[in-house]
Amino acid sequence: MTKSMIPFQTINWEAIPKTEHVGETGTAYWQTVQLECLRVRIVAYSKNYKADHWCKKGHIVHCLEGEFVSELEDGSKFLLTAGMTYIVSDDLSSHRSVTKKGVKLMIIDGDFLK
């Protein structure tokens, strides 16, 4: 495993452009900072958002505002509200997000979750 060194830096999220990602229903808006082996995002899901795919990638997902359900492909469902976090490694649990009222998340992923 290669160790990536990340120098101290700050992120002004207001300066990071938003990209739009249409779900099965609703829309996700991503603000993304991509480093060599690390991706950090602020993601906002609109009302009635449902992801259009099952994700196999590992993440650390922290709910900043609102609430959402993380559904696993095996049928399990987990409600996360503001202040809660979930963690999963790559290829362990296929998951997707669903929200009725909208939510704002910080999502961190990268090589350390392989």
PDB file of N, CA and C in Angstrom:
ATOM      1  N   MET A   1       0.851  -1.174   0.000  1.00  0.00           N
ATOM      2  CA  MET A   1       0.000   0.000   0.000  1.00  0.00           C
ATOM      3  C   MET A   1       0.900   1.243   0.000  1.00  0.00           C
ATOM      4  N   THR A   2       0.581   2.179  -0.861  1.00  0.00           N
ATOM      5  CA  THR A   2       1.322   3.430  -0.934  1.00  0.00           C
ATOM      6  C   THR A   2       0.716   4.424   0.031  1.00  0.00           C
ATOM      7  N   LYS A   3       1.575   5.072   0.782  1.00  0.00           N
ATOM      8  CA  LYS A   3       1.098   6.081   1.720  1.00  0.00           C
ATOM      9  C   LYS A   3       1.066   7.424   1.001  1.00  0.00           C
ATOM     10  N   SER A   4      -0.081   8.051   0.961  1.00  0.00           N
ATOM     11  CA  SER A   4      -0.211   9.376   0.359  1.00  0.00           C
ATOM     12  C   SER A   4      -0.133  10.422   1.450  1.00  0.00           C
ATOM     13  N   MET A   5       0.635  11.425   1.178  1.00  0.00           N
ATOM     14  CA  MET A   5       0.795  12.508   2.136  1.00  0.00           C
ATOM     15  C   MET A   5      -0.103  13.665   1.707  1.00  0.00           C
ATOM     16  N   ILE A   6      -0.937  14.137   2.606  1.00  0.00           N
ATOM     17  CA  ILE A   6      -1.830  15.256   2.328  1.00  0.00           C
ATOM     18  C   ILE A   6      -1.385  16.415   3.206  1.00  0.00           C
ATOM     19  N   PRO A   7      -0.871  17.475   2.585  1.00  0.00           N
ATOM     20  CA  PRO A   7      -0.449  18.622   3.387  1.00  0.00           C
ATOM     21  C   PRO A   7      -1.665  19.334   3.981  1.00  0.00           C
ATOM     22  N   PHE A   8      -1.423  20.089   5.049  1.00  0.00           N
ATOM     23  CA  PHE A   8      -2.500  20.859   5.668  1.00  0.00           C
ATOM     24  C   PHE A   8      -3.133  21.766   4.622  1.00  0.00           C
ATOM     25  N   GLN A   9      -4.443  21.793   4.612  1.00  0.00           N
ATOM     26  CA  GLN A   9      -5.179  22.672   3.707  1.00  0.00           C
ATOM     27  C   GLN A   9      -6.576  22.895   4.247  1.00  0.00           C
ATOM     28  N   THR A  10      -7.176  23.971   3.812  1.00  0.00           N
ATOM     29  CA  THR A  10      -8.556  24.259   4.182  1.00  0.00           C
ATOM     30  C   THR A  10      -9.410  24.162   2.919  1.00  0.00           C
ATOM     31  N   ILE A  11     -10.682  23.951   3.120  1.00  0.00           N
ATOM     32  CA  ILE A  11     -11.624  23.882   2.001  1.00  0.00           C
ATOM     33  C   ILE A  11     -12.711  24.915   2.232  1.00  0.00           C
ATOM     34  N   ASN A  12     -12.848  25.828   1.297  1.00  0.00           N
ATOM     35  CA  ASN A  12     -13.943  26.794   1.320  1.00  0.00           C
ATOM     36  C   ASN A  12     -15.053  26.208   0.448  1.00  0.00           C
ATOM     37  N   TRP A  13     -16.021  25.547   1.077  1.00  0.00           N
ATOM     38  CA  TRP A  13     -17.063  24.857   0.318  1.00  0.00           C
ATOM     39  C   TRP A  13     -17.869  25.808  -0.552  1.00  0.00           C
ATOM     40  N   GLU A  14     -17.969  27.057  -0.169  1.00  0.00           N
ATOM     41  CA  GLU A  14     -18.715  28.023  -0.985  1.00  0.00           C
ATOM     42  C   GLU A  14     -18.040  28.247  -2.334  1.00  0.00           C
ATOM     43  N   ALA A  15     -16.748  27.987  -2.437  1.00  0.00           N
ATOM     44  CA  ALA A  15     -16.008  28.182  -3.678  1.00  0.00           C
ATOM     45  C   ALA A  15     -15.981  26.928  -4.565  1.00  0.00           C
ATOM     46  N   ILE A  16     -16.472  25.813  -4.059  1.00  0.00           N
ATOM     47  CA  ILE A  16     -16.458  24.558  -4.817  1.00  0.00           C
ATOM     48  C   ILE A  16     -17.745  24.465  -5.631  1.00  0.00           C
ATOM     49  N   PRO A  17     -17.638  24.348  -6.967  1.00  0.00           N
ATOM     50  CA  PRO A  17     -18.850  24.293  -7.797  1.00  0.00           C
ATOM     51  C   PRO A  17     -19.662  23.021  -7.539  1.00  0.00           C
ATOM     52  N   LYS A  18     -20.959  23.133  -7.775  1.00  0.00           N
ATOM     53  CA  LYS A  18     -21.862  21.997  -7.615  1.00  0.00           C
ATOM     54  C   LYS A  18     -22.058  21.317  -8.963  1.00  0.00           C
ATOM     55  N   THR A  19     -22.082  19.991  -8.924  1.00  0.00           N
ATOM     56  CA  THR A  19     -22.430  19.219 -10.111  1.00  0.00           C
ATOM     57  C   THR A  19     -23.726  18.480  -9.816  1.00  0.00           C
ATOM     58  N   GLU A  20     -24.536  18.309 -10.836  1.00  0.00           N
ATOM     59  CA  GLU A  20     -25.856  17.712 -10.694  1.00  0.00           C
ATOM     60  C   GLU A  20     -25.826  16.253 -11.136  1.00  0.00           C
ATOM     61  N   HIS A  21     -26.453  15.379 -10.335  1.00  0.00           N
ATOM     62  CA  HIS A  21     -26.508  13.951 -10.617  1.00  0.00           C
ATOM     63  C   HIS A  21     -27.945  13.495 -10.404  1.00  0.00           C
ATOM     64  N   VAL A  22     -28.605  13.130 -11.481  1.00  0.00           N
ATOM     65  CA  VAL A  22     -30.011  12.737 -11.419  1.00  0.00           C
ATOM     66  C   VAL A  22     -30.119  11.315 -10.885  1.00  0.00           C
ATOM     67  N   GLY A  23     -31.015  11.116  -9.940  1.00  0.00           N
ATOM     68  CA  GLY A  23     -31.246   9.796  -9.372  1.00  0.00           C
ATOM     69  C   GLY A  23     -32.404   9.104 -10.076  1.00  0.00           C
ATOM     70  N   GLU A  24     -32.785   7.945  -9.559  1.00  0.00           N
ATOM     71  CA  GLU A  24     -33.991   7.274 -10.060  1.00  0.00           C
ATOM     72  C   GLU A  24     -35.164   8.227  -9.882  1.00  0.00           C
ATOM     73  N   THR A  25     -35.194   8.903  -8.736  1.00  0.00           N
ATOM     74  CA  THR A  25     -36.082  10.044  -8.504  1.00  0.00           C
ATOM     75  C   THR A  25     -35.246  11.113  -7.823  1.00  0.00           C
ATOM     76  N   GLY A  26     -35.561  12.354  -8.051  1.00  0.00           N
ATOM     77  CA  GLY A  26     -34.850  13.453  -7.418  1.00  0.00           C
ATOM     78  C   GLY A  26     -33.462  13.672  -7.997  1.00  0.00           C
ATOM     79  N   THR A  27     -32.738  14.587  -7.360  1.00  0.00           N
ATOM     80  CA  THR A  27     -31.425  14.994  -7.851  1.00  0.00           C
ATOM     81  C   THR A  27     -30.448  15.127  -6.689  1.00  0.00           C
ATOM     82  N   ALA A  28     -29.196  14.778  -6.950  1.00  0.00           N
ATOM     83  CA  ALA A  28     -28.109  14.974  -5.987  1.00  0.00           C
ATOM     84  C   ALA A  28     -27.213  16.086  -6.514  1.00  0.00           C
ATOM     85  N   TYR A  29     -26.751  16.940  -5.615  1.00  0.00           N
ATOM     86  CA  TYR A  29     -25.827  18.018  -5.961  1.00  0.00           C
ATOM     87  C   TYR A  29     -24.542  17.781  -5.187  1.00  0.00           C
ATOM     88  N   TRP A  30     -23.438  17.603  -5.912  1.00  0.00           N
ATOM     89  CA  TRP A  30     -22.148  17.289  -5.307  1.00  0.00           C
ATOM     90  C   TRP A  30     -21.219  18.481  -5.378  1.00  0.00           C
ATOM     91  N   GLN A  31     -20.492  18.716  -4.304  1.00  0.00           N
ATOM     92  CA  GLN A  31     -19.331  19.602  -4.297  1.00  0.00           C
ATOM     93  C   GLN A  31     -18.164  18.690  -3.940  1.00  0.00           C
ATOM     94  N   THR A  32     -17.200  18.575  -4.835  1.00  0.00           N
ATOM     95  CA  THR A  32     -16.172  17.543  -4.715  1.00  0.00           C
ATOM     96  C   THR A  32     -14.767  18.130  -4.662  1.00  0.00           C
ATOM     97  N   VAL A  33     -13.997  17.648  -3.708  1.00  0.00           N
ATOM     98  CA  VAL A  33     -12.563  17.911  -3.644  1.00  0.00           C
ATOM     99  C   VAL A  33     -11.889  16.562  -3.862  1.00  0.00           C
ATOM    100  N   GLN A  34     -11.128  16.459  -4.956  1.00  0.00           N
ATOM    101  CA  GLN A  34     -10.455  15.204  -5.297  1.00  0.00           C
ATOM    102  C   GLN A  34      -8.957  15.354  -5.076  1.00  0.00           C
ATOM    103  N   LEU A  35      -8.417  14.542  -4.183  1.00  0.00           N
ATOM    104  CA  LEU A  35      -6.982  14.479  -3.948  1.00  0.00           C
ATOM    105  C   LEU A  35      -6.484  13.154  -4.512  1.00  0.00           C
ATOM    106  N   GLU A  36      -5.187  12.898  -4.403  1.00  0.00           N
ATOM    107  CA  GLU A  36      -4.620  11.702  -5.034  1.00  0.00           C
ATOM    108  C   GLU A  36      -5.349  10.415  -4.646  1.00  0.00           C
ATOM    109  N   CYS A  37      -5.513  10.164  -3.380  1.00  0.00           N
ATOM    110  CA  CYS A  37      -6.131   8.913  -2.918  1.00  0.00           C
ATOM    111  C   CYS A  37      -7.334   9.156  -2.015  1.00  0.00           C
ATOM    112  N   LEU A  38      -7.909  10.343  -2.123  1.00  0.00           N
ATOM    113  CA  LEU A  38      -8.989  10.726  -1.223  1.00  0.00           C
ATOM    114  C   LEU A  38      -9.961  11.639  -1.949  1.00  0.00           C
ATOM    115  N   ARG A  39     -11.251  11.372  -1.783  1.00  0.00           N
ATOM    116  CA  ARG A  39     -12.295  12.249  -2.313  1.00  0.00           C
ATOM    117  C   ARG A  39     -13.160  12.681  -1.143  1.00  0.00           C
ATOM    118  N   VAL A  40     -13.403  13.990  -1.042  1.00  0.00           N
ATOM    119  CA  VAL A  40     -14.243  14.554   0.006  1.00  0.00           C
ATOM    120  C   VAL A  40     -15.358  15.320  -0.687  1.00  0.00           C
ATOM    121  N   ARG A  41     -16.609  15.049  -0.292  1.00  0.00           N
ATOM    122  CA  ARG A  41     -17.745  15.706  -0.943  1.00  0.00           C
ATOM    123  C   ARG A  41     -18.751  16.203   0.081  1.00  0.00           C
ATOM    124  N   ILE A  42     -19.382  17.320  -0.253  1.00  0.00           N
ATOM    125  CA  ILE A  42     -20.629  17.715   0.386  1.00  0.00           C
ATOM    126  C   ILE A  42     -21.692  17.366  -0.651  1.00  0.00           C
ATOM    127  N   VAL A  43     -22.660  16.562  -0.250  1.00  0.00           N
ATOM    128  CA  VAL A  43     -23.697  16.093  -1.169  1.00  0.00           C
ATOM    129  C   VAL A  43     -25.052  16.449  -0.588  1.00  0.00           C
ATOM    130  N   ALA A  44     -25.871  17.094  -1.399  1.00  0.00           N
ATOM    131  CA  ALA A  44     -27.249  17.422  -1.006  1.00  0.00           C
ATOM    132  C   ALA A  44     -28.190  16.631  -1.899  1.00  0.00           C
ATOM    133  N   TYR A  45     -29.082  15.872  -1.285  1.00  0.00           N
ATOM    134  CA  TYR A  45     -30.118  15.151  -2.019  1.00  0.00           C
ATOM    135  C   TYR A  45     -31.410  15.953  -1.913  1.00  0.00           C
ATOM    136  N   SER A  46     -32.088  16.090  -3.040  1.00  0.00           N
ATOM    137  CA  SER A  46     -33.369  16.802  -3.058  1.00  0.00           C
ATOM    138  C   SER A  46     -34.442  15.974  -2.349  1.00  0.00           C
ATOM    139  N   LYS A  47     -35.600  16.589  -2.174  1.00  0.00           N
ATOM    140  CA  LYS A  47     -36.755  15.845  -1.667  1.00  0.00           C
ATOM    141  C   LYS A  47     -37.026  14.673  -2.610  1.00  0.00           C
ATOM    142  N   ASN A  48     -37.476  13.572  -2.037  1.00  0.00           N
ATOM    143  CA  ASN A  48     -37.843  12.375  -2.798  1.00  0.00           C
ATOM    144  C   ASN A  48     -36.708  11.838  -3.671  1.00  0.00           C
ATOM    145  N   TYR A  49     -35.484  11.924  -3.162  1.00  0.00           N
ATOM    146  CA  TYR A  49     -34.338  11.380  -3.887  1.00  0.00           C
ATOM    147  C   TYR A  49     -34.217   9.883  -3.636  1.00  0.00           C
ATOM    148  N   LYS A  50     -33.914   9.147  -4.707  1.00  0.00           N
ATOM    149  CA  LYS A  50     -33.582   7.719  -4.608  1.00  0.00           C
ATOM    150  C   LYS A  50     -32.461   7.471  -5.603  1.00  0.00           C
ATOM    151  N   ALA A  51     -31.348   6.926  -5.135  1.00  0.00           N
ATOM    152  CA  ALA A  51     -30.209   6.653  -6.003  1.00  0.00           C
ATOM    153  C   ALA A  51     -30.622   5.720  -7.138  1.00  0.00           C
ATOM    154  N   ASP A  52     -29.983   5.904  -8.287  1.00  0.00           N
ATOM    155  CA  ASP A  52     -30.326   5.118  -9.466  1.00  0.00           C
ATOM    156  C   ASP A  52     -29.473   3.848  -9.611  1.00  0.00           C
ATOM    157  N   HIS A  53     -28.697   3.508  -8.580  1.00  0.00           N
ATOM    158  CA  HIS A  53     -27.831   2.328  -8.648  1.00  0.00           C
ATOM    159  C   HIS A  53     -27.486   1.852  -7.232  1.00  0.00           C
ATOM    160  N   TRP A  54     -27.037   0.619  -7.156  1.00  0.00           N
ATOM    161  CA  TRP A  54     -26.491   0.073  -5.917  1.00  0.00           C
ATOM    162  C   TRP A  54     -25.002   0.354  -5.936  1.00  0.00           C
ATOM    163  N   CYS A  55     -24.506   1.024  -4.921  1.00  0.00           N
ATOM    164  CA  CYS A  55     -23.100   1.417  -4.854  1.00  0.00           C
ATOM    165  C   CYS A  55     -22.309   0.371  -4.068  1.00  0.00           C
ATOM    166  N   LYS A  56     -21.162  -0.036  -4.611  1.00  0.00           N
ATOM    167  CA  LYS A  56     -20.297  -1.011  -3.944  1.00  0.00           C
ATOM    168  C   LYS A  56     -19.072  -0.354  -3.323  1.00  0.00           C
ATOM    169  N   LYS A  57     -18.926   0.953  -3.535  1.00  0.00           N
ATOM    170  CA  LYS A  57     -17.753   1.676  -3.056  1.00  0.00           C
ATOM    171  C   LYS A  57     -17.846   1.897  -1.545  1.00  0.00           C
ATOM    172  N   GLY A  58     -16.713   1.904  -0.896  1.00  0.00           N
ATOM    173  CA  GLY A  58     -16.668   2.205   0.525  1.00  0.00           C
ATOM    174  C   GLY A  58     -16.761   3.698   0.766  1.00  0.00           C
ATOM    175  N   HIS A  59     -17.364   4.073   1.885  1.00  0.00           N
ATOM    176  CA  HIS A  59     -17.537   5.483   2.239  1.00  0.00           C
ATOM    177  C   HIS A  59     -17.525   5.661   3.748  1.00  0.00           C
ATOM    178  N   ILE A  60     -17.246   6.881   4.150  1.00  0.00           N
ATOM    179  CA  ILE A  60     -17.624   7.383   5.458  1.00  0.00           C
ATOM    180  C   ILE A  60     -18.646   8.467   5.143  1.00  0.00           C
ATOM    181  N   VAL A  61     -19.862   8.286   5.626  1.00  0.00           N
ATOM    182  CA  VAL A  61     -20.959   9.217   5.318  1.00  0.00           C
ATOM    183  C   VAL A  61     -21.451   9.818   6.628  1.00  0.00           C
ATOM    184  N   HIS A  62     -21.384  11.142   6.727  1.00  0.00           N
ATOM    185  CA  HIS A  62     -21.837  11.852   7.919  1.00  0.00           C
ATOM    186  C   HIS A  62     -23.005  12.751   7.535  1.00  0.00           C
ATOM    187  N   CYS A  63     -24.117  12.607   8.235  1.00  0.00           N
ATOM    188  CA  CYS A  63     -25.312  13.395   7.973  1.00  0.00           C
ATOM    189  C   CYS A  63     -25.193  14.753   8.660  1.00  0.00           C
ATOM    190  N   LEU A  64     -25.150  15.810   7.853  1.00  0.00           N
ATOM    191  CA  LEU A  64     -25.022  17.172   8.372  1.00  0.00           C
ATOM    192  C   LEU A  64     -26.369  17.792   8.701  1.00  0.00           C
ATOM    193  N   GLU A  65     -27.340  17.581   7.819  1.00  0.00           N
ATOM    194  CA  GLU A  65     -28.692  18.154   7.994  1.00  0.00           C
ATOM    195  C   GLU A  65     -29.713  17.187   7.425  1.00  0.00           C
ATOM    196  N   GLY A  66     -30.871  17.124   8.049  1.00  0.00           N
ATOM    197  CA  GLY A  66     -31.957  16.299   7.532  1.00  0.00           C
ATOM    198  C   GLY A  66     -31.797  14.843   7.932  1.00  0.00           C
ATOM    199  N   GLU A  67     -32.386  13.953   7.113  1.00  0.00           N
ATOM    200  CA  GLU A  67     -32.304  12.525   7.372  1.00  0.00           C
ATOM    201  C   GLU A  67     -32.452  11.770   6.065  1.00  0.00           C
ATOM    202  N   PHE A  68     -31.937  10.539   6.067  1.00  0.00           N
ATOM    203  CA  PHE A  68     -32.060   9.676   4.890  1.00  0.00           C
ATOM    204  C   PHE A  68     -32.011   8.228   5.334  1.00  0.00           C
ATOM    205  N   VAL A  69     -32.400   7.354   4.428  1.00  0.00           N
ATOM    206  CA  VAL A  69     -32.331   5.925   4.670  1.00  0.00           C
ATOM    207  C   VAL A  69     -31.243   5.359   3.768  1.00  0.00           C
ATOM    208  N   SER A  70     -30.346   4.595   4.367  1.00  0.00           N
ATOM    209  CA  SER A  70     -29.365   3.848   3.594  1.00  0.00           C
ATOM    210  C   SER A  70     -29.908   2.434   3.469  1.00  0.00           C
ATOM    211  N   GLU A  71     -30.233   2.042   2.236  1.00  0.00           N
ATOM    212  CA  GLU A  71     -30.762   0.706   1.978  1.00  0.00           C
ATOM    213  C   GLU A  71     -29.616  -0.181   1.520  1.00  0.00           C
ATOM    214  N   LEU A  72     -29.563  -1.395   2.055  1.00  0.00           N
ATOM    215  CA  LEU A  72     -28.600  -2.378   1.581  1.00  0.00           C
ATOM    216  C   LEU A  72     -29.302  -3.307   0.607  1.00  0.00           C
ATOM    217  N   GLU A  73     -28.539  -3.844  -0.321  1.00  0.00           N
ATOM    218  CA  GLU A  73     -29.113  -4.706  -1.349  1.00  0.00           C
ATOM    219  C   GLU A  73     -29.766  -5.951  -0.752  1.00  0.00           C
ATOM    220  N   ASP A  74     -29.374  -6.326   0.474  1.00  0.00           N
ATOM    221  CA  ASP A  74     -29.976  -7.495   1.137  1.00  0.00           C
ATOM    222  C   ASP A  74     -31.339  -7.175   1.761  1.00  0.00           C
ATOM    223  N   GLY A  75     -31.790  -5.907   1.625  1.00  0.00           N
ATOM    224  CA  GLY A  75     -33.093  -5.511   2.153  1.00  0.00           C
ATOM    225  C   GLY A  75     -33.030  -4.746   3.471  1.00  0.00           C
ATOM    226  N   SER A  76     -31.874  -4.718   4.116  1.00  0.00           N
ATOM    227  CA  SER A  76     -31.730  -3.963   5.364  1.00  0.00           C
ATOM    228  C   SER A  76     -31.860  -2.470   5.090  1.00  0.00           C
ATOM    229  N   LYS A  77     -32.415  -1.743   6.066  1.00  0.00           N
ATOM    230  CA  LYS A  77     -32.572  -0.291   5.953  1.00  0.00           C
ATOM    231  C   LYS A  77     -32.134   0.360   7.249  1.00  0.00           C
ATOM    232  N   PHE A  78     -31.398   1.475   7.111  1.00  0.00           N
ATOM    233  CA  PHE A  78     -30.886   2.189   8.271  1.00  0.00           C
ATOM    234  C   PHE A  78     -31.212   3.663   8.138  1.00  0.00           C
ATOM    235  N   LEU A  79     -31.914   4.212   9.110  1.00  0.00           N
ATOM    236  CA  LEU A  79     -32.239   5.636   9.128  1.00  0.00           C
ATOM    237  C   LEU A  79     -31.084   6.381   9.779  1.00  0.00           C
ATOM    238  N   LEU A  80     -30.569   7.379   9.073  1.00  0.00           N
ATOM    239  CA  LEU A  80     -29.531   8.242   9.631  1.00  0.00           C
ATOM    240  C   LEU A  80     -30.069   9.652   9.689  1.00  0.00           C
ATOM    241  N   THR A  81     -29.881  10.289  10.831  1.00  0.00           N
ATOM    242  CA  THR A  81     -30.326  11.660  11.045  1.00  0.00           C
ATOM    243  C   THR A  81     -29.104  12.539  11.311  1.00  0.00           C
ATOM    244  N   ALA A  82     -29.320  13.851  11.354  1.00  0.00           N
ATOM    245  CA  ALA A  82     -28.225  14.797  11.562  1.00  0.00           C
ATOM    246  C   ALA A  82     -27.368  14.372  12.753  1.00  0.00           C
ATOM    247  N   GLY A  83     -26.063  14.333  12.533  1.00  0.00           N
ATOM    248  CA  GLY A  83     -25.121  13.950  13.572  1.00  0.00           C
ATOM    249  C   GLY A  83     -24.714  12.488  13.531  1.00  0.00           C
ATOM    250  N   MET A  84     -25.373  11.674  12.694  1.00  0.00           N
ATOM    251  CA  MET A  84     -25.041  10.251  12.604  1.00  0.00           C
ATOM    252  C   MET A  84     -24.108   9.996  11.421  1.00  0.00           C
ATOM    253  N   THR A  85     -23.376   8.889  11.505  1.00  0.00           N
ATOM    254  CA  THR A  85     -22.386   8.511  10.497  1.00  0.00           C
ATOM    255  C   THR A  85     -22.502   7.025  10.200  1.00  0.00           C
ATOM    256  N   TYR A  86     -22.260   6.650   8.931  1.00  0.00           N
ATOM    257  CA  TYR A  86     -22.042   5.231   8.659  1.00  0.00           C
ATOM    258  C   TYR A  86     -20.716   5.061   7.940  1.00  0.00           C
ATOM    259  N   ILE A  87     -20.142   3.866   8.099  1.00  0.00           N
ATOM    260  CA  ILE A  87     -18.845   3.529   7.517  1.00  0.00           C
ATOM    261  C   ILE A  87     -18.973   2.154   6.870  1.00  0.00           C
ATOM    262  N   VAL A  88     -18.435   2.007   5.651  1.00  0.00           N
ATOM    263  CA  VAL A  88     -18.407   0.710   4.978  1.00  0.00           C
ATOM    264  C   VAL A  88     -17.190   0.670   4.060  1.00  0.00           C
ATOM    265  N   SER A  89     -16.567  -0.485   3.962  1.00  0.00           N
ATOM    266  CA  SER A  89     -15.432  -0.677   3.058  1.00  0.00           C
ATOM    267  C   SER A  89     -15.913  -1.068   1.669  1.00  0.00           C
ATOM    268  N   ASP A  90     -15.032  -0.899   0.681  1.00  0.00           N
ATOM    269  CA  ASP A  90     -15.333  -1.284  -0.696  1.00  0.00           C
ATOM    270  C   ASP A  90     -15.797  -2.736  -0.758  1.00  0.00           C
ATOM    271  N   ASP A  91     -16.792  -2.996  -1.590  1.00  0.00           N
ATOM    272  CA  ASP A  91     -17.267  -4.337  -1.932  1.00  0.00           C
ATOM    273  C   ASP A  91     -17.829  -5.156  -0.776  1.00  0.00           C
ATOM    274  N   LEU A  92     -18.179  -4.509   0.356  1.00  0.00           N
ATOM    275  CA  LEU A  92     -18.732  -5.272   1.482  1.00  0.00           C
ATOM    276  C   LEU A  92     -20.250  -5.252   1.531  1.00  0.00           C
ATOM    277  N   SER A  93     -20.871  -4.133   1.216  1.00  0.00           N
ATOM    278  CA  SER A  93     -22.323  -4.018   1.314  1.00  0.00           C
ATOM    279  C   SER A  93     -22.815  -3.057   0.234  1.00  0.00           C
ATOM    280  N   SER A  94     -23.445  -3.581  -0.790  1.00  0.00           N
ATOM    281  CA  SER A  94     -24.021  -2.700  -1.811  1.00  0.00           C
ATOM    282  C   SER A  94     -25.140  -1.896  -1.162  1.00  0.00           C
ATOM    283  N   HIS A  95     -25.139  -0.590  -1.414  1.00  0.00           N
ATOM    284  CA  HIS A  95     -26.056   0.311  -0.718  1.00  0.00           C
ATOM    285  C   HIS A  95     -26.532   1.410  -1.655  1.00  0.00           C
ATOM    286  N   ARG A  96     -27.631   2.052  -1.259  1.00  0.00           N
ATOM    287  CA  ARG A  96     -28.123   3.237  -1.962  1.00  0.00           C
ATOM    288  C   ARG A  96     -28.848   4.114  -0.956  1.00  0.00           C
ATOM    289  N   SER A  97     -28.943   5.397  -1.306  1.00  0.00           N
ATOM    290  CA  SER A  97     -29.571   6.366  -0.406  1.00  0.00           C
ATOM    291  C   SER A  97     -30.950   6.751  -0.914  1.00  0.00           C
ATOM    292  N   VAL A  98     -31.850   6.984   0.049  1.00  0.00           N
ATOM    293  CA  VAL A  98     -33.221   7.403  -0.235  1.00  0.00           C
ATOM    294  C   VAL A  98     -33.587   8.468   0.792  1.00  0.00           C
ATOM    295  N   THR A  99     -34.222   9.550   0.353  1.00  0.00           N
ATOM    296  CA  THR A  99     -34.691  10.554   1.298  1.00  0.00           C
ATOM    297  C   THR A  99     -36.029  11.118   0.842  1.00  0.00           C
ATOM    298  N   LYS A 100     -36.893  11.386   1.795  1.00  0.00           N
ATOM    299  CA  LYS A 100     -38.192  11.994   1.494  1.00  0.00           C
ATOM    300  C   LYS A 100     -38.113  13.509   1.535  1.00  0.00           C
ATOM    301  N   LYS A 101     -37.423  14.053   2.536  1.00  0.00           N
ATOM    302  CA  LYS A 101     -37.425  15.504   2.762  1.00  0.00           C
ATOM    303  C   LYS A 101     -36.162  16.197   2.277  1.00  0.00           C
ATOM    304  N   GLY A 102     -35.154  15.441   1.844  1.00  0.00           N
ATOM    305  CA  GLY A 102     -33.873  16.024   1.469  1.00  0.00           C
ATOM    306  C   GLY A 102     -32.877  15.883   2.599  1.00  0.00           C
ATOM    307  N   VAL A 103     -31.600  15.955   2.260  1.00  0.00           N
ATOM    308  CA  VAL A 103     -30.543  15.756   3.247  1.00  0.00           C
ATOM    309  C   VAL A 103     -29.258  16.385   2.737  1.00  0.00           C
ATOM    310  N   LYS A 104     -28.374  16.739   3.667  1.00  0.00           N
ATOM    311  CA  LYS A 104     -27.049  17.242   3.324  1.00  0.00           C
ATOM    312  C   LYS A 104     -26.032  16.368   4.045  1.00  0.00           C
ATOM    313  N   LEU A 105     -25.070  15.826   3.278  1.00  0.00           N
ATOM    314  CA  LEU A 105     -24.107  14.867   3.798  1.00  0.00           C
ATOM    315  C   LEU A 105     -22.676  15.307   3.515  1.00  0.00           C
ATOM    316  N   MET A 106     -21.744  14.850   4.335  1.00  0.00           N
ATOM    317  CA  MET A 106     -20.329  14.872   3.990  1.00  0.00           C
ATOM    318  C   MET A 106     -19.945  13.426   3.730  1.00  0.00           C
ATOM    319  N   ILE A 107     -19.362  13.183   2.560  1.00  0.00           N
ATOM    320  CA  ILE A 107     -18.990  11.818   2.172  1.00  0.00           C
ATOM    321  C   ILE A 107     -17.495  11.798   1.874  1.00  0.00           C
ATOM    322  N   ILE A 108     -16.797  10.864   2.511  1.00  0.00           N
ATOM    323  CA  ILE A 108     -15.356  10.714   2.335  1.00  0.00           C
ATOM    324  C   ILE A 108     -15.092   9.297   1.852  1.00  0.00           C
ATOM    325  N   ASP A 109     -14.318   9.166   0.788  1.00  0.00           N
ATOM    326  CA  ASP A 109     -13.925   7.850   0.319  1.00  0.00           C
ATOM    327  C   ASP A 109     -12.530   7.926  -0.273  1.00  0.00           C
ATOM    328  N   GLY A 110     -11.952   6.771  -0.450  1.00  0.00           N
ATOM    329  CA  GLY A 110     -10.597   6.726  -0.997  1.00  0.00           C
ATOM    330  C   GLY A 110      -9.974   5.356  -0.815  1.00  0.00           C
ATOM    331  N   ASP A 111      -8.706   5.282  -1.176  1.00  0.00           N
ATOM    332  CA  ASP A 111      -7.988   4.020  -1.167  1.00  0.00           C
ATOM    333  C   ASP A 111      -7.934   3.346   0.209  1.00  0.00           C
ATOM    334  N   PHE A 112      -8.041   4.119   1.276  1.00  0.00           N
ATOM    335  CA  PHE A 112      -7.958   3.552   2.626  1.00  0.00           C
ATOM    336  C   PHE A 112      -9.140   2.647   2.948  1.00  0.00           C
ATOM    337  N   LEU A 113     -10.186   2.647   2.118  1.00  0.00           N
ATOM    338  CA  LEU A 113     -11.365   1.814   2.374  1.00  0.00           C
ATOM    339  C   LEU A 113     -11.359   0.514   1.551  1.00  0.00           C
ATOM    340  N   LYS A 114     -10.254   0.244   0.872  1.00  0.00           N
ATOM    341  CA  LYS A 114     -10.163  -0.991   0.070  1.00  0.00           C
ATOM    342  C   LYS A 114      -9.879  -2.182   0.941  1.00  0.00           C
TER     343      LYS A 114
END
